[in-house]
């Protein structure tokens, strides 16, 4: 299950399928694929938020993890990956460096 989860999460985060396939070819291990997919999303999303991640996780059937993240980051859970509610943006949306990347990667592994 974990082998394809990163790909489905990327689809729910609106990353192009071709880019996800390239990520898969560049990384032999699932952890590397997941990290690069999330890094790509953070760099290309106009407004990356915790709500978007929470809703994408719910969309791929990882409600347990989505609920944990929603609680931790005070995110209202919706059924859509496109939330209209104000949500706490990722720190990278406000800062040039990304100190939370490692933290986010380990959260998604749970």
Protein backbone atom coordinates (compact mmCIF):
# COMPACT_ATOMS: atom_id res chain seq x y z
CA UNK A 1 0.00 0.00 0.00
CA UNK A 2 2.74 2.46 0.98
CA UNK A 3 4.44 1.96 -2.38
CA UNK A 4 1.65 3.74 -4.30
CA UNK A 5 0.42 6.06 -1.54
CA UNK A 6 2.97 8.78 -2.31
CA UNK A 7 1.83 8.78 -5.95
CA UNK A 8 -1.88 8.99 -5.07
CA UNK A 9 -1.14 11.74 -2.54
CA UNK A 10 0.68 13.65 -5.29
CA UNK A 11 -2.35 13.26 -7.57
CA UNK A 12 -4.59 14.64 -4.79
CA UNK A 13 -2.17 17.55 -4.41
CA UNK A 14 -2.68 18.28 -8.13
CA UNK A 15 0.85 17.42 -9.22
CA UNK A 16 1.09 16.33 -12.86
CA UNK A 17 1.17 12.57 -13.35
CA UNK A 18 4.23 12.90 -15.62
CA UNK A 19 6.15 14.67 -12.83
CA UNK A 20 5.17 11.97 -10.34
CA UNK A 21 6.41 9.29 -12.74
CA UNK A 22 9.72 11.15 -13.09
CA UNK A 23 10.01 11.29 -9.30
CA UNK A 24 9.41 7.54 -9.18
CA UNK A 25 12.18 6.92 -11.71
CA UNK A 26 14.66 9.15 -9.86
CA UNK A 27 14.13 7.51 -6.45
CA UNK A 28 14.48 3.82 -5.64
CA UNK A 29 13.02 4.07 -2.14
CA UNK A 30 9.50 5.09 -1.15
CA UNK A 31 10.80 7.60 1.41
CA UNK A 32 12.79 9.43 -1.26
CA UNK A 33 9.80 9.48 -3.59
CA UNK A 34 7.57 10.87 -0.86
CA UNK A 35 10.06 13.57 0.13
CA UNK A 36 10.63 14.71 -3.45
CA UNK A 37 6.89 14.70 -4.18
CA UNK A 38 6.20 16.87 -1.13
CA UNK A 39 9.13 19.14 -1.94
CA UNK A 40 7.85 19.57 -5.49
CA UNK A 41 4.37 20.37 -4.19
CA UNK A 42 5.75 22.94 -1.74
CA UNK A 43 7.74 24.63 -4.51
CA UNK A 44 4.94 24.67 -7.09
CA UNK A 45 1.78 25.20 -5.06
CA UNK A 46 0.64 28.82 -5.06
CA UNK A 47 -0.45 28.53 -1.42
CA UNK A 48 0.56 25.30 0.32
CA UNK A 49 -1.41 24.79 3.52
CA UNK A 50 -1.79 22.09 6.13
CA UNK A 51 -5.47 21.91 5.20
CA UNK A 52 -4.53 20.87 1.66
CA UNK A 53 -2.33 18.05 3.00
CA UNK A 54 -4.99 16.96 5.48
CA UNK A 55 -7.67 16.85 2.79
CA UNK A 56 -5.38 15.03 0.34
CA UNK A 57 -4.58 12.41 2.99
CA UNK A 58 -8.30 11.96 3.60
CA UNK A 59 -8.77 11.59 -0.14
CA UNK A 60 -6.36 8.66 -0.32
CA UNK A 61 -7.96 6.89 2.62
CA UNK A 62 -5.48 7.92 5.32
CA UNK A 63 -8.10 9.53 7.54
CA UNK A 64 -6.27 8.40 10.68
CA UNK A 65 -3.16 10.35 9.69
CA UNK A 66 -5.24 13.25 8.38
CA UNK A 67 -7.04 13.50 11.72
CA UNK A 68 -3.73 13.52 13.63
CA UNK A 69 -2.35 16.29 11.44
CA UNK A 70 -5.59 18.28 11.60
CA UNK A 71 -5.46 18.18 15.38
CA UNK A 72 -1.75 19.02 15.53
CA UNK A 73 -1.99 21.96 13.11
CA UNK A 74 -5.52 23.18 14.02
CA UNK A 75 -6.92 22.42 10.58
CA UNK A 76 -10.65 22.21 9.87
CA UNK A 77 -11.24 19.01 7.89
CA UNK A 78 -13.30 19.35 4.70
CA UNK A 79 -14.18 16.84 1.98
CA UNK A 80 -12.50 18.81 -0.77
CA UNK A 81 -8.78 19.24 -1.42
CA UNK A 82 -9.60 22.81 -2.41
CA UNK A 83 -10.44 24.46 0.89
CA UNK A 84 -11.86 27.97 0.95
CA UNK A 85 -11.35 28.31 4.69
CA UNK A 86 -8.38 30.23 5.99
CA UNK A 87 -5.73 27.78 6.97
CA UNK A 88 -2.32 28.03 8.53
CA UNK A 89 0.14 28.20 5.62
CA UNK A 90 3.26 26.12 5.57
CA UNK A 91 6.18 28.06 7.00
CA UNK A 92 7.83 27.83 3.57
CA UNK A 93 5.10 30.04 2.17
CA UNK A 94 6.46 32.81 4.39
CA UNK A 95 10.17 31.96 4.55
CA UNK A 96 12.78 31.17 1.93
CA UNK A 97 14.27 28.18 3.78
CA UNK A 98 12.27 25.13 4.69
CA UNK A 99 12.98 23.97 8.25
CA UNK A 100 9.75 21.91 8.35
CA UNK A 101 10.51 19.69 5.36
CA UNK A 102 12.04 16.96 7.53
CA UNK A 103 9.22 17.27 10.04
CA UNK A 104 6.59 16.98 7.30
CA UNK A 105 8.29 13.94 5.78
CA UNK A 106 8.33 12.12 9.11
CA UNK A 107 4.68 13.03 9.72
CA UNK A 108 3.60 11.51 6.43
CA UNK A 109 5.44 8.26 7.27
CA UNK A 110 3.21 7.57 10.28
